[in-house]
Amino acid sequence: MPPARSNPSKTPAPGKKPRRTASRKRAPQRAPVARGQLRPTRQRYAEIQAALAKAGYFQGPTNGDWGTSSENSLASFQKDHGLEPTGKIDALTLIKLDLGPKYGAQNEARNLGASPPP
């Protein structure tokens, strides 16, 4: 029977310490990420209805119940403002309703490190 061979790549050279292999660390688990578009909250729907009412497009109660009258009002607003009249809430429509991101004095002050004006 032939003598057992050792694997030379795993045996350290004479006078050298064996290298330690890095133990695998598990990455911390992350919370699941929501996929796709999230639905607005009832409060957000009410904000959109209020903005449409202020602009003269929505006549119903601004209670956050998003139905046919809200969609029709939104579509009319979109058409009159040069947007595709889908009746669906989108970023451009929210910006036209002044409900989009606020870029202005508050963000400029934040970028300069100053506090926003009162």
N, C-alpha and C. Protein backbone atom coordinates (compact mmCIF):
# COMPACT_ATOMS: atom_id res chain seq x y z
N MET A 1 0.83 -1.17 0.00
CA MET A 1 0.00 0.00 0.00
C MET A 1 0.88 1.24 0.00
N PRO A 2 0.64 2.18 -0.93
CA PRO A 2 1.50 3.38 -1.01
C PRO A 2 1.23 4.30 0.17
N PRO A 3 2.24 5.07 0.57
CA PRO A 3 2.05 6.00 1.68
C PRO A 3 1.04 7.10 1.30
N ALA A 4 0.31 7.56 2.26
CA ALA A 4 -0.69 8.62 2.03
C ALA A 4 0.01 9.92 1.70
N ARG A 5 -0.46 10.56 0.68
CA ARG A 5 0.13 11.84 0.28
C ARG A 5 -0.64 12.98 0.94
N SER A 6 0.09 13.97 1.28
CA SER A 6 -0.58 15.15 1.81
C SER A 6 -0.72 16.17 0.69
N ASN A 7 -1.69 17.00 0.80
CA ASN A 7 -1.92 18.04 -0.21
C ASN A 7 -0.92 19.15 0.06
N PRO A 8 0.03 19.38 -0.88
CA PRO A 8 1.06 20.39 -0.63
C PRO A 8 0.51 21.80 -0.52
N SER A 9 -0.64 22.07 -1.12
CA SER A 9 -1.16 23.43 -1.02
C SER A 9 -1.73 23.71 0.36
N LYS A 10 -2.05 22.69 1.13
CA LYS A 10 -2.62 22.88 2.46
C LYS A 10 -1.57 22.74 3.55
N THR A 11 -0.41 22.23 3.20
CA THR A 11 0.64 22.06 4.20
C THR A 11 1.58 23.25 4.14
N PRO A 12 1.80 23.96 5.28
CA PRO A 12 2.69 25.12 5.25
C PRO A 12 4.14 24.69 5.04
N ALA A 13 4.88 25.56 4.42
CA ALA A 13 6.30 25.29 4.23
C ALA A 13 6.98 25.26 5.59
N PRO A 14 8.05 24.53 5.69
CA PRO A 14 8.75 24.47 6.98
C PRO A 14 9.16 25.87 7.43
N GLY A 15 8.90 26.19 8.70
CA GLY A 15 9.26 27.48 9.26
C GLY A 15 8.20 28.56 9.07
N LYS A 16 7.14 28.27 8.37
CA LYS A 16 6.07 29.25 8.15
C LYS A 16 4.84 28.83 8.93
N LYS A 17 4.13 29.83 9.39
CA LYS A 17 2.89 29.56 10.10
C LYS A 17 1.78 29.35 9.08
N PRO A 18 0.86 28.48 9.40
CA PRO A 18 -0.24 28.29 8.46
C PRO A 18 -1.12 29.53 8.40
N ARG A 19 -1.63 29.82 7.21
CA ARG A 19 -2.52 30.96 7.05
C ARG A 19 -3.88 30.61 7.62
N ARG A 20 -4.46 31.58 8.24
CA ARG A 20 -5.81 31.38 8.74
C ARG A 20 -6.79 31.77 7.65
N THR A 21 -7.76 30.97 7.49
CA THR A 21 -8.79 31.31 6.51
C THR A 21 -9.83 32.18 7.19
N ALA A 22 -10.28 33.13 6.47
CA ALA A 22 -11.28 34.05 7.03
C ALA A 22 -12.59 33.30 7.20
N SER A 23 -13.14 33.44 8.38
CA SER A 23 -14.43 32.80 8.59
C SER A 23 -15.50 33.64 7.89
N ARG A 24 -16.44 32.98 7.36
CA ARG A 24 -17.50 33.71 6.65
C ARG A 24 -18.46 34.30 7.66
N LYS A 25 -18.64 35.59 7.54
CA LYS A 25 -19.59 36.27 8.40
C LYS A 25 -20.88 36.44 7.62
N ARG A 26 -21.95 36.26 8.32
CA ARG A 26 -23.23 36.47 7.68
C ARG A 26 -23.56 37.95 7.67
N ALA A 27 -24.02 38.40 6.53
CA ALA A 27 -24.44 39.80 6.42
C ALA A 27 -25.72 39.97 7.23
N PRO A 28 -25.87 41.12 7.87
CA PRO A 28 -27.11 41.35 8.63
C PRO A 28 -28.30 41.31 7.68
N GLN A 29 -29.36 40.71 8.14
CA GLN A 29 -30.55 40.61 7.29
C GLN A 29 -31.22 41.97 7.20
N ARG A 30 -31.65 42.27 6.01
CA ARG A 30 -32.32 43.54 5.76
C ARG A 30 -33.82 43.32 5.74
N ALA A 31 -34.51 44.39 6.03
CA ALA A 31 -35.97 44.33 5.96
C ALA A 31 -36.37 44.18 4.50
N PRO A 32 -37.46 43.49 4.23
CA PRO A 32 -37.89 43.33 2.85
C PRO A 32 -38.21 44.68 2.22
N VAL A 33 -37.84 44.82 0.97
CA VAL A 33 -38.08 46.06 0.23
C VAL A 33 -39.37 45.92 -0.54
N ALA A 34 -40.21 46.92 -0.41
CA ALA A 34 -41.47 46.91 -1.15
C ALA A 34 -41.17 47.09 -2.63
N ARG A 35 -41.83 46.33 -3.43
CA ARG A 35 -41.63 46.41 -4.87
C ARG A 35 -42.85 47.09 -5.50
N GLY A 36 -42.61 47.89 -6.51
CA GLY A 36 -43.69 48.53 -7.23
C GLY A 36 -44.16 49.81 -6.55
N GLN A 37 -45.17 50.37 -7.14
CA GLN A 37 -45.74 51.63 -6.66
C GLN A 37 -46.61 51.37 -5.44
N LEU A 38 -46.43 52.16 -4.41
CA LEU A 38 -47.26 52.05 -3.23
C LEU A 38 -48.50 52.93 -3.41
N ARG A 39 -49.59 52.53 -2.80
CA ARG A 39 -50.82 53.32 -2.88
C ARG A 39 -50.71 54.48 -1.90
N PRO A 40 -51.24 55.63 -2.29
CA PRO A 40 -51.27 56.75 -1.35
C PRO A 40 -52.16 56.42 -0.15
N THR A 41 -51.86 57.07 0.95
CA THR A 41 -52.69 56.88 2.13
C THR A 41 -53.99 57.65 1.95
N ARG A 42 -54.94 57.37 2.81
CA ARG A 42 -56.22 58.09 2.76
C ARG A 42 -55.99 59.59 2.97
N GLN A 43 -55.04 59.92 3.85
CA GLN A 43 -54.72 61.34 4.09
C GLN A 43 -54.16 61.99 2.83
N ARG A 44 -53.31 61.25 2.10
CA ARG A 44 -52.73 61.81 0.87
C ARG A 44 -53.82 62.01 -0.18
N TYR A 45 -54.73 61.04 -0.28
CA TYR A 45 -55.85 61.22 -1.20
C TYR A 45 -56.64 62.48 -0.85
N ALA A 46 -56.87 62.71 0.44
CA ALA A 46 -57.61 63.90 0.86
C ALA A 46 -56.85 65.17 0.49
N GLU A 47 -55.52 65.15 0.61
CA GLU A 47 -54.71 66.32 0.21
C GLU A 47 -54.87 66.60 -1.28
N ILE A 48 -54.87 65.53 -2.07
CA ILE A 48 -55.00 65.69 -3.52
C ILE A 48 -56.40 66.21 -3.86
N GLN A 49 -57.41 65.67 -3.20
CA GLN A 49 -58.78 66.16 -3.42
C GLN A 49 -58.90 67.64 -3.04
N ALA A 50 -58.28 68.03 -1.93
CA ALA A 50 -58.33 69.43 -1.50
C ALA A 50 -57.65 70.34 -2.51
N ALA A 51 -56.53 69.89 -3.05
CA ALA A 51 -55.81 70.69 -4.06
C ALA A 51 -56.65 70.81 -5.33
N LEU A 52 -57.32 69.72 -5.71
CA LEU A 52 -58.20 69.77 -6.88
C LEU A 52 -59.40 70.69 -6.63
N ALA A 53 -59.94 70.66 -5.42
CA ALA A 53 -61.08 71.53 -5.08
C ALA A 53 -60.65 72.99 -5.11
N LYS A 54 -59.46 73.27 -4.56
CA LYS A 54 -58.94 74.64 -4.55
C LYS A 54 -58.76 75.17 -5.97
N ALA A 55 -58.37 74.26 -6.89
CA ALA A 55 -58.18 74.65 -8.29
C ALA A 55 -59.49 74.66 -9.06
N GLY A 56 -60.61 74.28 -8.40
CA GLY A 56 -61.91 74.32 -9.04
C GLY A 56 -62.28 73.07 -9.83
N TYR A 57 -61.63 71.96 -9.58
CA TYR A 57 -61.88 70.74 -10.34
C TYR A 57 -62.66 69.69 -9.57
N PHE A 58 -62.66 69.72 -8.27
CA PHE A 58 -63.31 68.69 -7.46
C PHE A 58 -64.41 69.32 -6.63
N GLN A 59 -65.61 68.73 -6.69
CA GLN A 59 -66.76 69.30 -5.98
C GLN A 59 -67.16 68.49 -4.75
N GLY A 60 -66.69 67.27 -4.61
CA GLY A 60 -67.14 66.41 -3.52
C GLY A 60 -66.41 66.68 -2.22
N PRO A 61 -66.72 65.86 -1.20
CA PRO A 61 -66.03 66.01 0.09
C PRO A 61 -64.58 65.55 0.01
N THR A 62 -63.71 66.28 0.66
CA THR A 62 -62.28 65.92 0.65
C THR A 62 -62.02 64.98 1.84
N ASN A 63 -62.52 63.75 1.68
CA ASN A 63 -62.48 62.78 2.77
C ASN A 63 -61.48 61.64 2.54
N GLY A 64 -60.80 61.65 1.41
CA GLY A 64 -59.82 60.60 1.14
C GLY A 64 -60.38 59.39 0.44
N ASP A 65 -61.69 59.38 0.18
CA ASP A 65 -62.28 58.29 -0.59
C ASP A 65 -62.04 58.58 -2.07
N TRP A 66 -61.17 57.80 -2.68
CA TRP A 66 -60.79 58.05 -4.06
C TRP A 66 -61.67 57.20 -4.97
N GLY A 67 -62.55 57.85 -5.69
CA GLY A 67 -63.48 57.15 -6.56
C GLY A 67 -63.54 57.77 -7.94
N THR A 68 -64.62 57.49 -8.64
CA THR A 68 -64.79 57.95 -10.02
C THR A 68 -64.77 59.47 -10.13
N SER A 69 -65.44 60.15 -9.20
CA SER A 69 -65.47 61.62 -9.29
C SER A 69 -64.07 62.21 -9.07
N SER A 70 -63.28 61.59 -8.20
CA SER A 70 -61.91 62.06 -7.99
C SER A 70 -61.06 61.83 -9.24
N GLU A 71 -61.22 60.65 -9.84
CA GLU A 71 -60.46 60.33 -11.06
C GLU A 71 -60.84 61.27 -12.21
N ASN A 72 -62.15 61.53 -12.36
CA ASN A 72 -62.61 62.43 -13.43
C ASN A 72 -62.10 63.85 -13.21
N SER A 73 -62.10 64.29 -11.96
CA SER A 73 -61.58 65.63 -11.64
C SER A 73 -60.10 65.71 -11.96
N LEU A 74 -59.38 64.67 -11.60
CA LEU A 74 -57.94 64.65 -11.85
C LEU A 74 -57.66 64.64 -13.36
N ALA A 75 -58.44 63.86 -14.11
CA ALA A 75 -58.26 63.81 -15.56
C ALA A 75 -58.53 65.18 -16.20
N SER A 76 -59.56 65.87 -15.73
CA SER A 76 -59.85 67.21 -16.25
C SER A 76 -58.69 68.16 -15.94
N PHE A 77 -58.19 68.09 -14.72
CA PHE A 77 -57.05 68.93 -14.33
C PHE A 77 -55.85 68.63 -15.23
N GLN A 78 -55.58 67.34 -15.42
CA GLN A 78 -54.43 66.94 -16.24
C GLN A 78 -54.58 67.47 -17.67
N LYS A 79 -55.76 67.32 -18.24
CA LYS A 79 -56.00 67.77 -19.62
C LYS A 79 -55.78 69.28 -19.74
N ASP A 80 -56.32 70.04 -18.79
CA ASP A 80 -56.20 71.50 -18.83
C ASP A 80 -54.78 71.99 -18.58
N HIS A 81 -53.93 71.14 -18.03
CA HIS A 81 -52.56 71.54 -17.73
C HIS A 81 -51.53 70.86 -18.65
N GLY A 82 -52.00 70.36 -19.78
CA GLY A 82 -51.10 69.81 -20.78
C GLY A 82 -50.51 68.45 -20.44
N LEU A 83 -51.15 67.74 -19.53
CA LEU A 83 -50.69 66.40 -19.17
C LEU A 83 -51.62 65.37 -19.79
N GLU A 84 -51.16 64.14 -19.87
CA GLU A 84 -52.02 63.08 -20.38
C GLU A 84 -53.16 62.85 -19.40
N PRO A 85 -54.41 62.98 -19.84
CA PRO A 85 -55.55 62.90 -18.93
C PRO A 85 -55.92 61.45 -18.57
N THR A 86 -55.10 60.84 -17.74
CA THR A 86 -55.32 59.44 -17.34
C THR A 86 -56.24 59.31 -16.14
N GLY A 87 -56.32 60.34 -15.33
CA GLY A 87 -57.08 60.25 -14.08
C GLY A 87 -56.32 59.52 -13.00
N LYS A 88 -55.08 59.17 -13.30
CA LYS A 88 -54.23 58.48 -12.33
C LYS A 88 -53.21 59.47 -11.75
N ILE A 89 -52.91 59.28 -10.49
CA ILE A 89 -51.98 60.16 -9.79
C ILE A 89 -50.57 59.85 -10.27
N ASP A 90 -49.85 60.87 -10.70
CA ASP A 90 -48.45 60.70 -11.08
C ASP A 90 -47.65 61.90 -10.60
N ALA A 91 -46.34 61.80 -10.72
CA ALA A 91 -45.45 62.83 -10.19
C ALA A 91 -45.70 64.19 -10.83
N LEU A 92 -45.84 64.24 -12.16
CA LEU A 92 -46.03 65.53 -12.83
C LEU A 92 -47.33 66.20 -12.39
N THR A 93 -48.37 65.39 -12.22
CA THR A 93 -49.65 65.95 -11.77
C THR A 93 -49.52 66.50 -10.36
N LEU A 94 -48.85 65.77 -9.49
CA LEU A 94 -48.67 66.25 -8.12
C LEU A 94 -47.87 67.55 -8.09
N ILE A 95 -46.88 67.66 -8.96
CA ILE A 95 -46.09 68.90 -9.03
C ILE A 95 -46.97 70.05 -9.50
N LYS A 96 -47.80 69.80 -10.52
CA LYS A 96 -48.71 70.85 -11.01
C LYS A 96 -49.73 71.27 -9.95
N LEU A 97 -50.09 70.33 -9.07
CA LEU A 97 -51.02 70.63 -7.97
C LEU A 97 -50.30 71.26 -6.78
N ASP A 98 -49.00 71.47 -6.90
CA ASP A 98 -48.16 71.99 -5.82
C ASP A 98 -48.11 71.02 -4.64
N LEU A 99 -48.15 69.73 -4.94
CA LEU A 99 -48.05 68.70 -3.92
C LEU A 99 -46.80 67.84 -4.08
N GLY A 100 -45.94 68.24 -4.99
CA GLY A 100 -44.73 67.47 -5.24
C GLY A 100 -43.63 67.89 -4.28
N PRO A 101 -42.39 67.52 -4.60
CA PRO A 101 -41.25 67.90 -3.76
C PRO A 101 -41.14 69.41 -3.66
N LYS A 102 -40.72 69.86 -2.52
CA LYS A 102 -40.58 71.29 -2.30
C LYS A 102 -39.12 71.68 -2.50
N TYR A 103 -38.85 72.32 -3.62
CA TYR A 103 -37.52 72.83 -3.90
C TYR A 103 -37.61 74.34 -3.79
N GLY A 104 -36.85 74.91 -2.93
CA GLY A 104 -36.93 76.35 -2.78
C GLY A 104 -36.12 76.82 -1.61
N ALA A 105 -36.62 77.83 -0.93
CA ALA A 105 -35.88 78.48 0.15
C ALA A 105 -35.49 77.50 1.25
N GLN A 106 -36.37 76.57 1.58
CA GLN A 106 -36.06 75.64 2.67
C GLN A 106 -34.88 74.74 2.30
N ASN A 107 -34.90 74.18 1.09
CA ASN A 107 -33.80 73.32 0.67
C ASN A 107 -32.53 74.11 0.44
N GLU A 108 -32.63 75.33 -0.09
CA GLU A 108 -31.45 76.15 -0.30
C GLU A 108 -30.80 76.49 1.04
N ALA A 109 -31.60 76.80 2.04
CA ALA A 109 -31.06 77.11 3.36
C ALA A 109 -30.38 75.87 3.96
N ARG A 110 -30.98 74.71 3.75
CA ARG A 110 -30.40 73.47 4.27
C ARG A 110 -29.04 73.23 3.61
N ASN A 111 -28.96 73.50 2.29
CA ASN A 111 -27.70 73.28 1.59
C ASN A 111 -26.62 74.24 2.05
N LEU A 112 -27.00 75.42 2.50
CA LEU A 112 -26.04 76.40 2.96
C LEU A 112 -25.71 76.24 4.43
N GLY A 113 -26.40 75.31 5.10
CA GLY A 113 -26.16 75.09 6.51
C GLY A 113 -26.88 76.07 7.42
N ALA A 114 -27.75 76.87 6.87
CA ALA A 114 -28.50 77.84 7.66
C ALA A 114 -29.87 77.28 7.98
N SER A 115 -30.52 77.88 8.93
CA SER A 115 -31.87 77.43 9.25
C SER A 115 -32.85 78.08 8.29
N PRO A 116 -33.97 77.38 7.98
CA PRO A 116 -34.93 77.96 7.04
C PRO A 116 -35.61 79.20 7.63
N PRO A 117 -36.08 80.06 6.76
CA PRO A 117 -36.74 81.27 7.25
C PRO A 117 -38.02 80.91 7.99
N PRO A 118 -38.40 81.72 9.00
CA PRO A 118 -39.61 81.39 9.79
C PRO A 118 -40.87 81.51 9.00
